[in-house]
């Protein structure tokens, strides 16, 4: 098969939108945010400014950096408009975030020409109609198309010839691979692996020992461009998650609990909105050295009550910190719910000898919690998210990342 998978990715999207809305910012180093950099323009990235960086550090690297607040409704509008341009050329689209999507244009050749020509049309229209730069990679597989779009940045197009896939792929750094973050990159570097080609030449068994069975096997296959995944037009998430970058904070109850309360609230609200309670709760704790530890618990019944999710998450985080007593500083907390169910109405339980801890949704306390959450949801639907909140989350201090920005980045169930 020819190269017919497109990966389209709007360049430095949030910062580009701010430069579009404020012409005086064009060509200048721009960061969206304040206390934390939410997004940085390419002019700012040239100085080393990156998303997630503390604002004071960004200003040290780039004294002329201009910080601007986010226009979140414009992000949503323009992101949707860019996807609509792509949809004009094919119905086979898999949107994976507000500013990027895959598209299969194999069935569009007779109408619009070769995939490379379609990609050029999309880029030209997004630039002309929306005023935004967009990079597109064209390849035979999703993984390679995504890598090609990264190589194409900023504002470019890269088409990978199927006859030269491995020659293109193997000279690239491993951090361009899907699933290789800072921690994995560091482990690979310690093993002397810096390029995708070096990873490909390593034995799959050694990668499994280094990275774990699933991750090692997956990356070994992707290094040889073995990616059978197809475009999922109606992709439905198998989990709902939220995370909060903390900078460097002490690993104390006073710091952790308000953050976990806020994260549990965000995740549980999304679960209830789609009537998809979760049975498995997973937490991730990242320490100051960027090393992450995860813990998970599978419950006997699915939950979507905020307080129940919070209590499970708190117990799991306490377990992580107890297992790592030498770690005094944390930089990130995350909660996700998976193993999602479809039943919006929990099975009621008879009040016999089992203690009613409120985590089982069919108990009297569990039902009361769910009713309270539904009331909170109704108030927020009518008056906005900030109309009502849990006291422990509200007293946790101002959050450096606005909730509107977080919600744009969270997957829809």
Protein backbone atom coordinates (compact mmCIF):
# COMPACT_ATOMS: atom_id res chain seq x y z
CA UNK A 1 0.00 0.00 0.00
CA UNK A 2 1.09 3.56 -0.66
CA UNK A 3 1.56 6.35 1.84
CA UNK A 4 -2.02 7.49 2.45
CA UNK A 5 -2.16 8.22 6.21
CA UNK A 6 -1.95 11.90 7.11
CA UNK A 7 -1.07 13.27 10.53
CA UNK A 8 -1.97 16.95 10.72
CA UNK A 9 -0.72 19.00 13.66
CA UNK A 10 -1.24 22.73 14.19
CA UNK A 11 2.12 24.32 15.03
CA UNK A 12 2.59 25.78 18.55
CA UNK A 13 -1.18 25.98 18.50
CA UNK A 14 -2.05 28.02 21.58
CA UNK A 15 0.78 30.50 21.06
CA UNK A 16 0.00 30.74 17.33
CA UNK A 17 -3.63 31.58 18.14
CA UNK A 18 -2.48 34.35 20.49
CA UNK A 19 -0.24 35.79 17.77
CA UNK A 20 -3.16 35.60 15.35
CA UNK A 21 -5.48 37.44 17.75
CA UNK A 22 -2.82 40.00 18.72
CA UNK A 23 -0.82 41.01 15.62
CA UNK A 24 1.68 42.96 17.75
CA UNK A 25 2.92 39.60 19.11
CA UNK A 26 3.81 38.15 15.71
CA UNK A 27 7.51 37.42 15.40
CA UNK A 28 8.04 37.92 19.14
CA UNK A 29 8.72 35.25 21.79
CA UNK A 30 5.34 34.49 23.34
CA UNK A 31 4.26 32.22 26.18
CA UNK A 32 0.69 31.42 27.17
CA UNK A 33 0.32 31.28 30.93
CA UNK A 34 1.98 33.03 33.84
CA UNK A 35 3.16 31.00 36.80
CA UNK A 36 3.69 28.07 34.44
CA UNK A 37 4.29 28.11 30.68
CA UNK A 38 1.26 26.46 29.10
CA UNK A 39 2.56 26.87 25.55
CA UNK A 40 5.43 28.66 23.84
CA UNK A 41 5.87 30.10 20.36
CA UNK A 42 8.75 28.95 18.17
CA UNK A 43 10.46 32.28 18.82
CA UNK A 44 10.37 31.48 22.54
CA UNK A 45 11.41 27.86 22.03
CA UNK A 46 14.59 29.11 20.36
CA UNK A 47 15.64 30.38 23.81
CA UNK A 48 14.83 27.04 25.47
CA UNK A 49 11.37 27.97 26.77
CA UNK A 50 9.13 24.90 26.97
CA UNK A 51 5.61 24.08 28.12
CA UNK A 52 5.44 23.09 31.78
CA UNK A 53 8.38 25.32 32.67
CA UNK A 54 8.01 27.68 35.65
CA UNK A 55 7.40 31.25 34.54
CA UNK A 56 10.42 32.66 36.37
CA UNK A 57 12.73 30.19 34.63
CA UNK A 58 11.25 31.08 31.24
CA UNK A 59 11.91 34.76 31.89
CA UNK A 60 15.50 33.97 32.86
CA UNK A 61 16.04 32.18 29.54
CA UNK A 62 14.24 34.83 27.49
CA UNK A 63 14.10 38.31 29.12
CA UNK A 64 11.96 39.65 26.23
CA UNK A 65 9.36 36.90 26.65
CA UNK A 66 5.77 38.14 26.47
CA UNK A 67 3.27 36.27 28.65
CA UNK A 68 -0.38 36.32 27.61
CA UNK A 69 -3.55 34.82 29.02
CA UNK A 70 -5.42 32.11 27.14
CA UNK A 71 -8.41 32.63 24.84
CA UNK A 72 -9.86 29.17 25.38
CA UNK A 73 -13.04 29.57 23.34
CA UNK A 74 -10.89 30.64 20.38
CA UNK A 75 -8.67 27.58 20.79
CA UNK A 76 -11.73 25.36 20.58
CA UNK A 77 -13.24 27.25 17.63
CA UNK A 78 -10.07 27.30 15.55
CA UNK A 79 -9.16 23.70 16.41
CA UNK A 80 -12.60 22.56 15.26
CA UNK A 81 -12.30 24.66 12.09
CA UNK A 82 -8.96 23.07 11.17
CA UNK A 83 -10.41 19.58 11.58
CA UNK A 84 -13.35 20.66 9.40
CA UNK A 85 -10.91 21.55 6.61
CA UNK A 86 -9.41 18.08 6.85
CA UNK A 87 -12.89 16.54 6.83
CA UNK A 88 -13.60 18.21 3.50
CA UNK A 89 -11.24 15.69 1.87
CA UNK A 90 -12.06 12.47 3.73
CA UNK A 91 -14.55 11.16 6.31
CA UNK A 92 -11.91 8.80 7.72
CA UNK A 93 -10.60 11.05 10.49
CA UNK A 94 -9.39 10.18 13.98
CA UNK A 95 -9.02 13.28 16.12
CA UNK A 96 -6.60 12.72 18.97
CA UNK A 97 -6.48 16.20 20.52
CA UNK A 98 -7.77 19.70 19.99
CA UNK A 99 -5.00 20.49 17.49
CA UNK A 100 -4.08 17.22 15.76
CA UNK A 101 -5.71 14.37 13.88
CA UNK A 102 -5.03 11.40 11.66
CA UNK A 103 -6.77 11.00 8.30
CA UNK A 104 -6.85 8.18 5.75
CA UNK A 105 -7.12 9.64 2.24
CA UNK A 106 -6.71 6.39 0.31
CA UNK A 107 -10.32 6.64 -0.88
CA UNK A 108 -10.01 10.28 -1.93
CA UNK A 109 -7.47 9.97 -4.75
CA UNK A 110 -9.95 10.13 -7.63
CA UNK A 111 -11.61 13.23 -6.22
CA UNK A 112 -8.64 15.20 -4.93
CA UNK A 113 -5.44 13.60 -6.21
CA UNK A 114 -2.47 12.00 -4.48
CA UNK A 115 -2.15 12.13 -0.68
CA UNK A 116 0.71 14.65 -0.92
CA UNK A 117 -1.49 16.92 -3.03
CA UNK A 118 -4.33 16.63 -0.54
CA UNK A 119 -1.95 17.50 2.29
CA UNK A 120 -0.81 20.60 0.42
CA UNK A 121 -4.43 21.64 -0.11
CA UNK A 122 -5.20 21.24 3.58
CA UNK A 123 -2.16 23.28 4.58
CA UNK A 124 -2.98 26.04 2.10
CA UNK A 125 -6.60 26.27 3.22
CA UNK A 126 -5.78 26.30 6.96
CA UNK A 127 -3.28 29.10 6.35
CA UNK A 128 -5.64 31.11 4.09
CA UNK A 129 -8.91 30.56 5.98
CA UNK A 130 -7.70 30.44 9.58
CA UNK A 131 -4.34 32.20 9.48
CA UNK A 132 -2.59 29.33 11.28
CA UNK A 133 0.47 27.22 10.39
CA UNK A 134 -0.01 23.47 10.21
CA UNK A 135 2.48 20.66 9.63
CA UNK A 136 1.50 17.38 8.00
CA UNK A 137 3.26 14.04 7.74
CA UNK A 138 2.20 11.51 5.11
CA UNK A 139 3.18 7.86 5.49
CA UNK A 140 1.97 4.28 5.27
CA UNK A 141 1.37 3.89 9.03
CA UNK A 142 0.02 6.12 11.78
CA UNK A 143 3.21 6.02 13.81
CA UNK A 144 5.39 7.04 10.88
CA UNK A 145 2.96 9.76 9.79
CA UNK A 146 3.10 11.30 13.27
CA UNK A 147 6.89 11.23 13.26
CA UNK A 148 6.93 12.76 9.78
CA UNK A 149 4.74 15.66 10.95
CA UNK A 150 7.21 16.35 13.77
CA UNK A 151 10.10 16.35 11.30
CA UNK A 152 8.08 18.72 9.09
CA UNK A 153 7.71 21.35 11.80
CA UNK A 154 7.37 24.23 11.70
CA UNK A 155 4.79 24.77 8.96
CA UNK A 156 5.98 22.02 6.63
CA UNK A 157 5.10 18.81 4.83
CA UNK A 158 7.03 15.53 4.82
CA UNK A 159 6.00 12.55 2.67
CA UNK A 160 7.70 9.25 3.51
CA UNK A 161 8.29 7.01 0.52
CA UNK A 162 7.24 3.43 1.41
CA UNK A 163 10.44 2.18 -0.25
CA UNK A 164 12.59 4.29 2.09
CA UNK A 165 10.73 4.07 5.39
CA UNK A 166 13.46 2.53 7.50
CA UNK A 167 16.16 4.76 6.01
CA UNK A 168 14.05 7.76 7.05
CA UNK A 169 13.11 6.36 10.45
CA UNK A 170 16.33 4.90 11.78
CA UNK A 171 18.43 8.07 11.77
CA UNK A 172 15.92 9.95 13.93
CA UNK A 173 16.22 10.41 17.73
CA UNK A 174 14.20 8.03 19.89
CA UNK A 175 12.28 10.84 21.56
CA UNK A 176 10.27 11.32 18.36
CA UNK A 177 8.65 7.92 18.88
CA UNK A 178 5.14 7.73 20.24
CA UNK A 179 5.41 6.75 23.89
CA UNK A 180 9.00 7.85 24.54
CA UNK A 181 8.91 10.55 27.20
CA UNK A 182 11.73 11.97 29.32
CA UNK A 183 11.92 8.96 31.66
CA UNK A 184 12.01 6.37 28.84
CA UNK A 185 14.48 8.46 26.86
CA UNK A 186 16.74 8.61 29.92
CA UNK A 187 16.62 4.82 30.35
CA UNK A 188 17.41 4.28 26.69
CA UNK A 189 20.27 6.79 26.86
CA UNK A 190 21.75 4.94 29.84
CA UNK A 191 21.70 1.81 27.65
CA UNK A 192 23.52 3.66 24.86
CA UNK A 193 20.43 4.02 22.64
CA UNK A 194 19.92 7.47 21.12
CA UNK A 195 18.41 6.78 17.70
CA UNK A 196 15.47 4.73 16.50
CA UNK A 197 17.86 2.62 14.45
CA UNK A 198 19.85 1.72 17.56
CA UNK A 199 16.63 0.72 19.28
CA UNK A 200 15.68 -1.41 16.27
CA UNK A 201 19.00 -3.25 16.40
CA UNK A 202 18.56 -4.05 20.10
CA UNK A 203 16.88 -7.33 20.86
CA UNK A 204 13.19 -7.15 21.82
CA UNK A 205 13.95 -9.18 24.94
CA UNK A 206 16.53 -6.64 26.12
CA UNK A 207 14.01 -3.83 25.53
CA UNK A 208 11.43 -5.72 27.57
CA UNK A 209 13.89 -6.08 30.44
CA UNK A 210 14.77 -2.39 30.23
CA UNK A 211 11.30 -0.87 29.76
CA UNK A 212 8.86 -3.56 30.79
CA UNK A 213 7.16 -6.24 28.73
CA UNK A 214 4.44 -4.17 27.03
CA UNK A 215 6.43 -0.99 26.40
CA UNK A 216 9.56 -2.84 25.26
CA UNK A 217 7.66 -5.04 22.83
CA UNK A 218 5.68 -2.09 21.44
CA UNK A 219 8.69 0.15 20.86
CA UNK A 220 10.68 -2.66 19.27
CA UNK A 221 7.87 -3.16 16.75
CA UNK A 222 7.45 0.55 16.07
CA UNK A 223 11.20 0.91 15.47
CA UNK A 224 10.68 -1.38 12.46
CA UNK A 225 7.53 0.54 11.47
CA UNK A 226 5.31 -2.38 12.41
CA UNK A 227 2.10 -0.53 13.22
CA UNK A 228 -1.15 -2.27 12.18
CA UNK A 229 -3.46 0.32 13.77
CA UNK A 230 -6.15 1.72 11.51
CA UNK A 231 -7.98 5.02 11.61
CA UNK A 232 -10.76 4.88 14.21
CA UNK A 233 -13.51 7.22 13.07
CA UNK A 234 -15.53 6.82 16.26
CA UNK A 235 -12.74 6.27 18.70
CA UNK A 236 -14.04 5.85 22.23
CA UNK A 237 -11.67 6.33 25.10
CA UNK A 238 -11.04 3.40 27.41
CA UNK A 239 -10.05 5.67 30.31
CA UNK A 240 -10.43 9.18 31.68
CA UNK A 241 -7.52 10.92 33.34
CA UNK A 242 -6.28 14.23 34.67
CA UNK A 243 -2.92 15.38 35.94
CA UNK A 244 -1.43 18.41 37.63
CA UNK A 245 2.16 19.61 37.29
CA UNK A 246 3.29 20.98 40.65
CA UNK A 247 6.77 22.30 39.94
CA UNK A 248 8.64 21.22 43.09
CA UNK A 249 6.42 20.72 46.14
CA UNK A 250 6.92 18.88 49.42
CA UNK A 251 5.34 15.42 49.48
CA UNK A 252 2.93 16.22 52.30
CA UNK A 253 -0.77 15.70 52.95
CA UNK A 254 -1.32 19.47 52.86
CA UNK A 255 0.00 19.60 49.29
CA UNK A 256 -1.29 16.30 47.93
CA UNK A 257 -4.88 16.12 49.14
CA UNK A 258 -6.23 19.37 47.60
CA UNK A 259 -4.59 18.48 44.28
CA UNK A 260 -6.01 14.96 44.35
CA UNK A 261 -9.43 16.38 45.28
CA UNK A 262 -9.37 18.62 42.24
CA UNK A 263 -8.16 15.83 39.94
CA UNK A 264 -10.77 13.39 41.25
CA UNK A 265 -13.46 16.02 40.71
CA UNK A 266 -12.44 16.50 37.07
CA UNK A 267 -12.22 12.79 36.30
CA UNK A 268 -15.42 11.81 38.12
CA UNK A 269 -17.38 14.62 36.47
CA UNK A 270 -16.44 13.30 33.04
CA UNK A 271 -17.32 9.73 34.02
CA UNK A 272 -20.75 10.82 35.23
CA UNK A 273 -21.38 12.98 32.15
CA UNK A 274 -21.05 9.89 29.94
CA UNK A 275 -22.56 7.41 32.43
CA UNK A 276 -19.34 5.38 32.34
CA UNK A 277 -18.16 4.59 35.90
CA UNK A 278 -14.72 3.07 36.34
CA UNK A 279 -13.65 -0.06 38.18
CA UNK A 280 -9.88 0.55 38.06
CA UNK A 281 -8.29 3.64 39.61
CA UNK A 282 -4.68 4.46 38.81
CA UNK A 283 -2.49 7.18 40.30
CA UNK A 284 0.88 8.44 39.13
CA UNK A 285 3.37 10.29 41.30
CA UNK A 286 6.35 11.97 39.69
CA UNK A 287 9.25 12.91 41.93
CA UNK A 288 11.69 15.79 41.55
CA UNK A 289 14.08 13.70 39.45
CA UNK A 290 11.25 13.04 36.92
CA UNK A 291 11.02 9.40 37.99
CA UNK A 292 7.38 8.30 38.04
CA UNK A 293 5.69 5.59 40.09
CA UNK A 294 2.18 4.29 39.39
CA UNK A 295 -0.24 2.34 41.55
CA UNK A 296 -3.64 0.89 40.60
CA UNK A 297 -6.59 -0.71 42.33
CA UNK A 298 -9.49 -2.59 40.73
CA UNK A 299 -12.71 -2.31 42.70
CA UNK A 300 -15.53 -4.87 43.00
CA UNK A 301 -18.03 -2.36 41.58
CA UNK A 302 -17.58 0.60 39.21
CA UNK A 303 -17.60 4.09 40.76
CA UNK A 304 -18.15 7.64 39.52
CA UNK A 305 -18.65 9.51 42.81
CA UNK A 306 -15.99 12.18 43.34
CA UNK A 307 -15.39 11.40 47.02
CA UNK A 308 -15.11 7.65 46.41
CA UNK A 309 -12.58 8.23 43.64
CA UNK A 310 -10.67 10.65 45.86
CA UNK A 311 -10.45 8.21 48.77
CA UNK A 312 -9.07 5.45 46.58
CA UNK A 313 -6.56 7.85 45.01
CA UNK A 314 -5.41 9.15 48.39
CA UNK A 315 -4.82 5.61 49.66
CA UNK A 316 -2.81 4.76 46.55
CA UNK A 317 -0.67 7.89 46.78
CA UNK A 318 -0.03 7.26 50.47
CA UNK A 319 1.18 3.79 49.49
CA UNK A 320 3.57 5.23 46.91
CA UNK A 321 5.04 7.72 49.37
CA UNK A 322 5.34 5.06 52.07
CA UNK A 323 7.29 2.85 49.66
CA UNK A 324 9.65 5.73 48.82
CA UNK A 325 10.38 7.40 52.17
CA UNK A 326 13.55 9.08 50.88
CA UNK A 327 11.57 11.09 48.32
CA UNK A 328 10.67 14.43 49.86
CA UNK A 329 9.60 16.36 46.75
CA UNK A 330 6.99 15.68 44.09
CA UNK A 331 6.50 17.41 40.74
CA UNK A 332 3.29 15.84 39.39
CA UNK A 333 0.17 13.98 40.49
CA UNK A 334 -2.25 12.19 38.17
CA UNK A 335 -5.44 10.15 38.47
CA UNK A 336 -7.09 8.02 35.82
CA UNK A 337 -10.12 5.78 35.77
CA UNK A 338 -10.24 2.78 33.44
CA UNK A 339 -12.11 -0.49 33.02
CA UNK A 340 -15.15 1.63 32.26
CA UNK A 341 -18.68 0.33 32.61
CA UNK A 342 -21.90 1.23 30.84
CA UNK A 343 -24.45 0.97 33.66
CA UNK A 344 -25.63 4.34 34.93
CA UNK A 345 -27.72 2.74 37.68
CA UNK A 346 -25.76 0.85 40.37
CA UNK A 347 -27.05 -2.38 41.85
CA UNK A 348 -28.49 -1.62 45.29
CA UNK A 349 -27.03 -3.54 48.22
CA UNK A 350 -28.90 -4.86 51.23
CA UNK A 351 -27.70 -3.27 54.51
CA UNK A 352 -26.34 -6.38 56.20
CA UNK A 353 -23.05 -6.70 58.01
CA UNK A 354 -20.73 -5.03 55.52
CA UNK A 355 -19.49 -1.61 56.61
CA UNK A 356 -20.82 1.19 54.45
CA UNK A 357 -17.64 3.08 53.55
CA UNK A 358 -19.33 4.94 50.71
CA UNK A 359 -17.07 3.54 48.01
CA UNK A 360 -19.57 0.93 46.85
CA UNK A 361 -22.16 2.82 44.79
CA UNK A 362 -25.06 0.54 45.78
CA UNK A 363 -24.87 1.30 49.51
CA UNK A 364 -26.87 4.02 51.24
CA UNK A 365 -23.79 6.24 51.65
CA UNK A 366 -22.63 5.52 48.13
CA UNK A 367 -26.01 6.53 46.69
CA UNK A 368 -26.02 9.71 48.78
CA UNK A 369 -22.63 10.67 47.44
CA UNK A 370 -23.76 10.10 43.88
CA UNK A 371 -26.91 12.20 44.38
CA UNK A 372 -24.80 15.06 45.80
CA UNK A 373 -22.46 14.86 42.82
CA UNK A 374 -25.37 14.92 40.38
CA UNK A 375 -26.62 18.10 42.08
CA UNK A 376 -23.16 19.67 41.73
CA UNK A 377 -23.10 18.67 38.05
CA UNK A 378 -26.48 20.32 37.46
CA UNK A 379 -25.34 23.58 39.09
CA UNK A 380 -22.15 23.66 37.04
CA UNK A 381 -24.02 22.90 33.82
CA UNK A 382 -26.20 25.94 34.42
CA UNK A 383 -23.86 28.44 36.08
CA UNK A 384 -20.34 27.28 35.15
CA UNK A 385 -17.66 25.11 36.72
CA UNK A 386 -16.63 27.65 39.36
CA UNK A 387 -20.15 28.10 40.69
CA UNK A 388 -19.69 25.34 43.26
CA UNK A 389 -16.67 23.43 44.52
CA UNK A 390 -15.45 21.11 47.24
CA UNK A 391 -14.03 23.02 50.19
CA UNK A 392 -10.77 21.04 50.33
CA UNK A 393 -10.09 21.81 46.66
CA UNK A 394 -11.05 25.47 47.01
CA UNK A 395 -8.72 25.90 49.99
CA UNK A 396 -5.84 24.32 48.13
CA UNK A 397 -4.68 27.64 46.73
CA UNK A 398 -4.68 29.04 43.23
CA UNK A 399 -3.79 26.61 40.46
CA UNK A 400 -1.06 27.61 38.05
CA UNK A 401 -2.80 25.97 35.08
CA UNK A 402 -6.34 27.24 34.35
CA UNK A 403 -9.03 24.57 34.34
CA UNK A 404 -10.21 25.77 30.92
CA UNK A 405 -6.81 24.87 29.53
CA UNK A 406 -6.81 21.49 31.25
CA UNK A 407 -10.23 20.61 29.88
CA UNK A 408 -9.12 21.38 26.31
CA UNK A 409 -6.32 18.84 26.69
CA UNK A 410 -8.42 16.08 28.28
CA UNK A 411 -9.75 13.29 26.11
CA UNK A 412 -13.48 13.03 25.55
CA UNK A 413 -15.02 9.73 26.62
